[in-house]
Amino acid sequence: MPSDFISAKAAALLAAKLSEAEACVTPEDSPLCRENAQTYLQTRTPSVSASGASMTGRRTIAILDADKLQSRDISTCASMRLPVISVLYSHAQSMPGELHSAFYSLEDTGCIMFSAENLQELMDMTMLACRVSEDRKVLLPSVVQFDDASLMEDVSIPGDKVISAFLNHQSLPHKIDSKKPAALGGPSWNPALKMQHFKAMENAATVYKSASETWNAKFRRPYSMIDTYRTEDADLILVTMGSHSATAKKAADKARERGLKAGIARIVMFRPFPYSELSQILSKAKFSATVDFSAPLGGKTPLQREAATPANFTVMKRPSVKDFEDMFARLSGEAKTHWVI
């Protein structure tokens, strides 16, 4: 399988190209599309344009920057059951406490939410999201987050024919057809439709698990709702999300060299959230805590609310291996917020 050294945004564009999807990008990103010979639509509002293209039955991937995100656009896609894929980039230089804030703003919009650790996973997860979102039992938008837009890495690139065979041909039950004119309703909050939406989110977890198994059989790259690292016998577990999890795993290794049984549980699929899976993992540990790039102003952070851990580490900087080692050393049964500044 060929490999290439690519940037964070090139990873999403490559996934779009392999998926035969149209990329919806801002003018700032259009030169990168031309460099990669990617079919694209240049627009100031990628989410809105992607929605329109999706209504015609085309596979679309919107490239979004966190500082320009409009959550209303994503919730509209979800309400209209449009399987638009959005790749959301948070910048490593974001203000303290804001690294994942744009991503968290989508937690109640009704979209499927993934968070990638590296560029290989970002590319793979974007294509997996297409498979999940376009399933007739789901038909919901997906957002794949990556929180270090400046990163460059080597990735293995699958063949386009293999990806074409992996992805189902998109066939929306409702779409704009010039030969069969019809009115498509806008966003609806009808209770009956919301119940269908709820069921679709439940189905998304099942479809994702099945699609991940198929992906692993083809490419030997396993994915799950939670990525666990040395948690089997761990007494201390940190629940993380995003690219900084790689640093946390190195810290877990160093903590074990000092005699601490440390492990990492990284959330890959944030919506629908894997409550039972995470509960089972944490039940084996003596102490656990979340690591979140969000300030708990009058309550718990978004990740801590979902993970239901007694403690949380609120990180206000780019954490080092030493920072994560200190977190393991400070873990106890005390329910409190620790600040990493």
Protein backbone atom coordinates (compact mmCIF):
# COMPACT_ATOMS: atom_id res chain seq x y z
CA MET A 1 0.00 0.00 0.00
CA PRO A 2 1.59 3.35 -1.02
CA SER A 3 2.27 6.05 1.56
CA ASP A 4 2.74 9.81 1.44
CA PHE A 5 3.80 12.63 3.76
CA ILE A 6 0.81 14.97 3.94
CA SER A 7 -0.69 17.84 5.90
CA ALA A 8 -3.78 17.70 8.10
CA LYS A 9 -6.10 19.27 5.53
CA ALA A 10 -4.61 17.22 2.71
CA ALA A 11 -5.64 14.09 4.65
CA ALA A 12 -9.31 15.08 4.49
CA LEU A 13 -9.06 16.09 0.84
CA LEU A 14 -7.41 12.78 0.03
CA ALA A 15 -10.26 10.97 1.77
CA ALA A 16 -12.72 13.00 -0.31
CA LYS A 17 -10.91 12.10 -3.51
CA LEU A 18 -10.79 8.38 -2.68
CA SER A 19 -14.48 8.50 -1.70
CA GLU A 20 -15.40 10.24 -4.97
CA ALA A 21 -16.89 13.05 -2.91
CA GLU A 22 -17.08 16.72 -3.72
CA ALA A 23 -15.10 18.82 -1.25
CA CYS A 24 -16.73 22.07 -0.11
CA VAL A 25 -13.97 24.46 0.93
CA THR A 26 -13.34 28.14 1.65
CA PRO A 27 -11.27 30.21 -0.82
CA GLU A 28 -8.27 29.86 1.52
CA ASP A 29 -8.25 26.08 1.04
CA SER A 30 -8.96 25.96 -2.70
CA PRO A 31 -5.25 26.07 -3.73
CA LEU A 32 -4.70 22.85 -1.78
CA CYS A 33 -7.57 21.26 -3.70
CA ARG A 34 -5.96 22.21 -7.01
CA GLU A 35 -2.63 20.79 -5.85
CA ASN A 36 -4.32 17.46 -5.08
CA ALA A 37 -6.43 17.47 -8.26
CA GLN A 38 -9.53 17.33 -6.08
CA THR A 39 -12.99 18.20 -7.35
CA TYR A 40 -14.19 21.00 -5.12
CA LEU A 41 -16.76 23.70 -4.58
CA GLN A 42 -15.37 27.01 -3.35
CA THR A 43 -17.66 28.77 -0.94
CA ARG A 44 -17.67 31.01 2.11
CA THR A 45 -20.12 28.64 3.83
CA PRO A 46 -18.93 25.06 3.25
CA SER A 47 -21.63 23.48 5.47
CA VAL A 48 -24.47 25.22 3.65
CA SER A 49 -23.07 24.41 0.22
CA ALA A 50 -22.47 20.80 1.22
CA SER A 51 -26.10 20.52 2.32
CA GLY A 52 -27.31 21.78 -1.04
CA ALA A 53 -25.05 19.39 -2.93
CA SER A 54 -26.17 16.50 -0.71
CA MET A 55 -29.82 17.25 -1.53
CA THR A 56 -29.02 16.46 -5.18
CA GLY A 57 -27.70 13.04 -4.17
CA ARG A 58 -23.98 13.84 -4.29
CA ARG A 59 -21.50 12.70 -1.66
CA THR A 60 -20.07 15.82 -0.02
CA ILE A 61 -17.32 16.54 2.49
CA ALA A 62 -17.09 20.02 4.03
CA ILE A 63 -13.72 21.27 5.28
CA LEU A 64 -14.34 23.51 8.30
CA ASP A 65 -12.19 25.65 10.57
CA ALA A 66 -13.31 25.79 14.19
CA ASP A 67 -13.34 29.58 14.34
CA LYS A 68 -15.83 29.76 11.46
CA LEU A 69 -18.16 26.95 12.51
CA GLN A 70 -21.90 27.59 12.63
CA SER A 71 -23.53 24.81 14.65
CA ARG A 72 -26.94 25.76 13.23
CA ASP A 73 -25.79 24.58 9.78
CA ILE A 74 -24.93 21.14 11.17
CA SER A 75 -28.22 20.84 13.09
CA THR A 76 -30.12 21.71 9.90
CA CYS A 77 -28.37 18.86 8.06
CA ALA A 78 -29.26 16.51 10.91
CA SER A 79 -32.90 17.57 10.99
CA MET A 80 -33.18 17.10 7.20
CA ARG A 81 -31.38 13.72 7.46
CA LEU A 82 -28.63 14.69 5.01
CA PRO A 83 -25.48 12.50 5.23
CA VAL A 84 -23.02 15.38 4.87
CA ILE A 85 -19.51 14.70 6.20
CA SER A 86 -17.69 17.61 7.87
CA VAL A 87 -14.03 17.60 8.86
CA LEU A 88 -13.52 20.11 11.66
CA TYR A 89 -10.08 21.53 12.36
CA SER A 90 -9.19 23.07 15.71
CA HIS A 91 -5.84 24.82 15.74
CA ALA A 92 -3.08 23.82 18.15
CA GLN A 93 -2.60 27.54 18.83
CA SER A 94 -6.19 27.95 20.03
CA MET A 95 -6.80 29.97 23.15
CA PRO A 96 -6.47 27.98 26.39
CA GLY A 97 -9.64 26.09 27.14
CA GLU A 98 -10.97 26.41 23.59
CA LEU A 99 -9.23 23.55 21.76
CA HIS A 100 -12.38 21.39 21.59
CA SER A 101 -15.03 24.06 22.24
CA ALA A 102 -16.27 24.17 18.63
CA PHE A 103 -16.56 20.39 18.58
CA TYR A 104 -18.47 20.34 21.85
CA SER A 105 -20.87 22.98 20.53
CA LEU A 106 -22.23 20.27 18.22
CA GLU A 107 -23.03 17.71 20.91
CA ASP A 108 -26.80 18.36 20.81
CA THR A 109 -27.18 19.02 17.08
CA GLY A 110 -28.01 15.40 16.25
CA CYS A 111 -24.90 14.63 14.21
CA ILE A 112 -22.53 11.69 14.58
CA MET A 113 -19.23 12.85 16.11
CA PHE A 114 -15.73 11.37 15.79
CA SER A 115 -12.38 12.59 17.10
CA ALA A 116 -9.14 11.44 15.43
CA GLU A 117 -5.74 11.00 17.08
CA ASN A 118 -3.51 11.24 13.99
CA LEU A 119 -3.72 11.89 10.26
CA GLN A 120 -4.02 8.22 9.30
CA GLU A 121 -7.04 7.94 11.55
CA LEU A 122 -8.42 11.25 10.26
CA MET A 123 -8.31 10.00 6.68
CA ASP A 124 -9.70 6.56 7.55
CA MET A 125 -12.39 7.96 9.85
CA THR A 126 -13.62 10.36 7.17
CA MET A 127 -14.23 7.43 4.82
CA LEU A 128 -15.77 5.34 7.58
CA ALA A 129 -18.07 8.26 8.35
CA CYS A 130 -19.30 8.17 4.75
CA ARG A 131 -20.20 4.51 5.14
CA VAL A 132 -22.02 5.09 8.43
CA SER A 133 -23.85 8.31 7.53
CA GLU A 134 -25.11 7.04 4.19
CA ASP A 135 -26.56 3.81 5.56
CA ARG A 136 -30.34 3.79 5.10
CA LYS A 137 -30.75 2.98 8.80
CA VAL A 138 -28.82 6.14 9.73
CA LEU A 139 -28.89 9.01 7.17
CA LEU A 140 -27.33 11.57 9.48
CA PRO A 141 -24.42 13.99 9.09
CA SER A 142 -21.06 13.16 10.63
CA VAL A 143 -18.35 15.46 11.99
CA VAL A 144 -14.75 14.25 12.25
CA GLN A 145 -12.61 16.45 14.50
CA PHE A 146 -8.86 16.91 14.34
CA ASP A 147 -7.28 19.28 16.84
CA ASP A 148 -3.87 20.03 15.31
CA ALA A 149 -4.28 21.54 11.83
CA SER A 150 -0.53 22.22 11.58
CA LEU A 151 0.49 18.55 11.81
CA MET A 152 2.15 16.66 8.94
CA GLU A 153 2.58 12.87 8.94
CA ASP A 154 3.06 9.81 6.76
CA VAL A 155 -0.16 7.98 5.90
CA SER A 156 -0.88 4.75 4.07
CA ILE A 157 -3.13 5.36 1.09
CA PRO A 158 -5.62 2.66 0.05
CA GLY A 159 -6.52 2.16 -3.61
CA ASP A 160 -9.53 4.03 -4.93
CA LYS A 161 -11.10 0.81 -6.25
CA VAL A 162 -10.90 -0.76 -2.79
CA ILE A 163 -12.57 2.29 -1.23
CA SER A 164 -15.23 2.32 -3.95
CA ALA A 165 -16.05 -1.29 -3.08
CA PHE A 166 -16.10 -0.46 0.65
CA LEU A 167 -18.48 2.48 0.30
CA ASN A 168 -22.04 1.80 -0.67
CA HIS A 169 -23.38 3.75 -3.62
CA GLN A 170 -25.18 6.70 -2.08
CA SER A 171 -28.91 6.44 -2.67
CA LEU A 172 -30.95 8.99 -0.76
CA PRO A 173 -34.66 8.26 -0.32
CA HIS A 174 -35.32 11.96 -0.96
CA LYS A 175 -33.35 14.26 -3.27
CA ILE A 176 -33.75 17.02 -5.81
CA ASP A 177 -34.46 15.61 -9.26
CA SER A 178 -35.13 17.97 -12.18
CA LYS A 179 -37.09 15.21 -13.95
CA LYS A 180 -39.34 14.71 -10.95
CA PRO A 181 -39.94 18.13 -9.38
CA ALA A 182 -40.92 18.01 -5.73
CA ALA A 183 -40.76 20.17 -2.64
CA LEU A 184 -38.31 19.13 0.07
CA GLY A 185 -39.26 20.21 3.55
CA GLY A 186 -36.85 22.18 5.68
CA PRO A 187 -35.78 21.45 9.26
CA SER A 188 -38.49 19.86 11.37
CA TRP A 189 -38.79 19.34 15.12
CA ASN A 190 -41.90 17.18 14.90
CA PRO A 191 -41.86 14.70 17.85
CA ALA A 192 -42.40 11.67 15.61
CA LEU A 193 -39.49 12.69 13.40
CA LYS A 194 -37.33 13.28 16.45
CA MET A 195 -38.05 9.73 17.60
CA GLN A 196 -36.88 8.48 14.20
CA HIS A 197 -33.78 10.62 14.59
CA PHE A 198 -33.15 9.07 18.01
CA LYS A 199 -33.38 5.57 16.55
CA ALA A 200 -31.04 6.55 13.70
CA MET A 201 -28.41 7.62 16.25
CA GLU A 202 -28.72 4.24 17.97
CA ASN A 203 -28.32 2.54 14.60
CA ALA A 204 -25.19 4.62 13.91
CA ALA A 205 -23.27 2.83 16.68
CA THR A 206 -24.19 -0.60 15.30
CA VAL A 207 -23.38 0.36 11.71
CA TYR A 208 -20.05 1.88 12.80
CA LYS A 209 -19.00 -1.31 14.60
CA SER A 210 -19.84 -3.41 11.54
CA ALA A 211 -18.09 -1.00 9.15
CA SER A 212 -14.99 -0.92 11.39
CA GLU A 213 -14.76 -4.71 11.30
CA THR A 214 -14.93 -4.67 7.52
CA TRP A 215 -12.30 -1.91 7.39
CA ASN A 216 -9.96 -3.87 9.66
CA ALA A 217 -10.36 -6.99 7.51
CA LYS A 218 -9.34 -4.99 4.42
CA PHE A 219 -6.58 -2.75 5.82
CA ARG A 220 -5.53 -4.25 9.18
CA ARG A 221 -6.29 -0.99 10.96
CA PRO A 222 -8.81 -1.64 13.76
CA TYR A 223 -11.11 1.09 15.03
CA SER A 224 -13.63 1.07 17.84
CA MET A 225 -15.75 3.56 19.77
CA ILE A 226 -13.03 3.68 22.46
CA ASP A 227 -9.32 3.18 21.87
CA THR A 228 -7.83 1.54 24.95
CA TYR A 229 -4.14 1.53 25.81
CA ARG A 230 -2.84 -0.71 28.61
CA THR A 231 -6.15 -0.62 30.48
CA GLU A 232 -6.48 -4.39 31.02
CA ASP A 233 -4.75 -4.33 34.42
CA ALA A 234 -4.70 -0.57 35.01
CA ASP A 235 -5.38 0.90 38.44
CA LEU A 236 -5.22 4.45 37.04
CA ILE A 237 -7.03 5.42 33.84
CA LEU A 238 -7.18 8.78 32.11
CA VAL A 239 -10.04 9.36 29.67
CA THR A 240 -8.79 11.47 26.77
CA MET A 241 -9.80 12.60 23.29
CA GLY A 242 -7.87 13.92 20.30
CA SER A 243 -4.26 14.14 19.17
CA HIS A 244 -2.81 14.72 22.65
CA SER A 245 -3.76 11.14 23.51
CA ALA A 246 -0.54 10.02 21.80
CA THR A 247 1.41 12.02 24.40
CA ALA A 248 -0.72 10.54 27.18
CA LYS A 249 0.14 7.00 26.02
CA LYS A 250 3.86 7.77 26.29
CA ALA A 251 3.24 9.05 29.81
CA ALA A 252 1.40 5.82 30.69
CA ASP A 253 4.48 3.84 29.65
CA LYS A 254 6.73 6.01 31.80
CA ALA A 255 4.34 5.79 34.75
CA ARG A 256 4.47 2.01 34.55
CA GLU A 257 8.26 2.15 34.64
CA ARG A 258 7.81 3.82 38.05
CA GLY A 259 5.46 1.09 39.23
CA LEU A 260 2.11 2.77 38.52
CA LYS A 261 -0.38 0.67 36.57
CA ALA A 262 -1.52 3.42 34.21
CA GLY A 263 -3.74 3.25 31.15
CA ILE A 264 -5.53 5.45 28.61
CA ALA A 265 -9.11 5.26 27.35
CA ARG A 266 -9.42 7.52 24.30
CA ILE A 267 -12.89 8.45 23.10
CA VAL A 268 -13.10 7.97 19.33
CA MET A 269 -16.87 8.25 18.88
CA PHE A 270 -18.33 11.08 20.95
CA ARG A 271 -21.86 10.84 19.52
CA PRO A 272 -23.48 8.47 20.08
CA PHE A 273 -21.43 8.23 23.26
CA PRO A 274 -20.21 4.74 24.29
CA TYR A 275 -21.53 4.85 27.86
CA SER A 276 -21.68 1.11 28.58
CA GLU A 277 -18.32 0.39 26.94
CA LEU A 278 -16.56 3.11 28.93
CA SER A 279 -18.25 2.11 32.17
CA GLN A 280 -16.99 -1.43 31.73
CA ILE A 281 -13.42 -0.22 31.11
CA LEU A 282 -13.37 2.15 34.11
CA SER A 283 -14.98 -0.37 36.47
CA LYS A 284 -11.69 -2.29 36.63
CA ALA A 285 -9.64 0.73 37.71
CA LYS A 286 -9.19 2.08 41.24
CA PHE A 287 -9.15 5.70 40.12
CA SER A 288 -10.07 7.48 36.89
CA ALA A 289 -10.33 11.03 35.59
CA THR A 290 -11.02 12.86 32.35
CA VAL A 291 -8.51 15.12 30.62
CA ASP A 292 -10.38 17.97 28.96
CA PHE A 293 -9.41 21.17 27.15
CA SER A 294 -12.42 22.98 28.51
CA ALA A 295 -12.91 25.04 31.66
CA PRO A 296 -15.60 23.80 34.09
CA LEU A 297 -17.38 27.10 34.69
CA GLY A 298 -20.01 26.31 37.29
CA GLY A 299 -20.24 22.62 36.43
CA LYS A 300 -18.39 19.74 34.80
CA THR A 301 -16.61 19.80 31.46
CA PRO A 302 -18.36 18.16 28.47
CA LEU A 303 -16.12 15.09 28.50
CA GLN A 304 -16.43 14.65 32.28
CA ARG A 305 -20.23 14.87 32.08
CA GLU A 306 -20.30 12.02 29.57
CA ALA A 307 -17.60 9.87 31.17
CA ALA A 308 -19.02 10.39 34.69
CA THR A 309 -15.58 10.31 36.32
CA PRO A 310 -15.24 11.82 39.80
CA ALA A 311 -12.17 13.87 38.85
CA ASN A 312 -11.14 15.98 35.87
CA PHE A 313 -7.92 17.59 34.68
CA THR A 314 -8.62 20.89 32.95
CA VAL A 315 -5.72 21.55 30.58
CA MET A 316 -4.93 25.16 29.71
CA LYS A 317 -1.82 24.56 27.58
CA ARG A 318 -0.26 22.05 25.21
CA PRO A 319 0.43 19.14 27.61
CA SER A 320 3.79 17.38 27.72
CA VAL A 321 4.60 13.81 28.70
CA LYS A 322 5.64 15.16 32.11
CA ASP A 323 2.24 16.84 32.51
CA PHE A 324 0.45 13.55 31.93
CA GLU A 325 2.85 11.74 34.28
CA ASP A 326 1.93 14.26 36.97
CA MET A 327 -1.77 13.60 36.31
CA PHE A 328 -1.29 9.90 36.98
CA ALA A 329 0.63 10.71 40.18
CA ARG A 330 -2.17 13.02 41.42
CA LEU A 331 -5.03 10.62 40.70
CA SER A 332 -7.09 9.68 43.74
CA GLY A 333 -10.67 8.99 44.65
CA GLU A 334 -11.28 12.67 45.40
CA ALA A 335 -13.95 14.32 43.26
CA LYS A 336 -12.32 17.55 42.19
CA THR A 337 -11.00 19.54 39.23
CA HIS A 338 -7.25 19.74 38.80
CA TRP A 339 -5.86 22.59 36.72
CA VAL A 340 -2.92 22.05 34.35
CA ILE A 341 -1.62 25.51 33.52
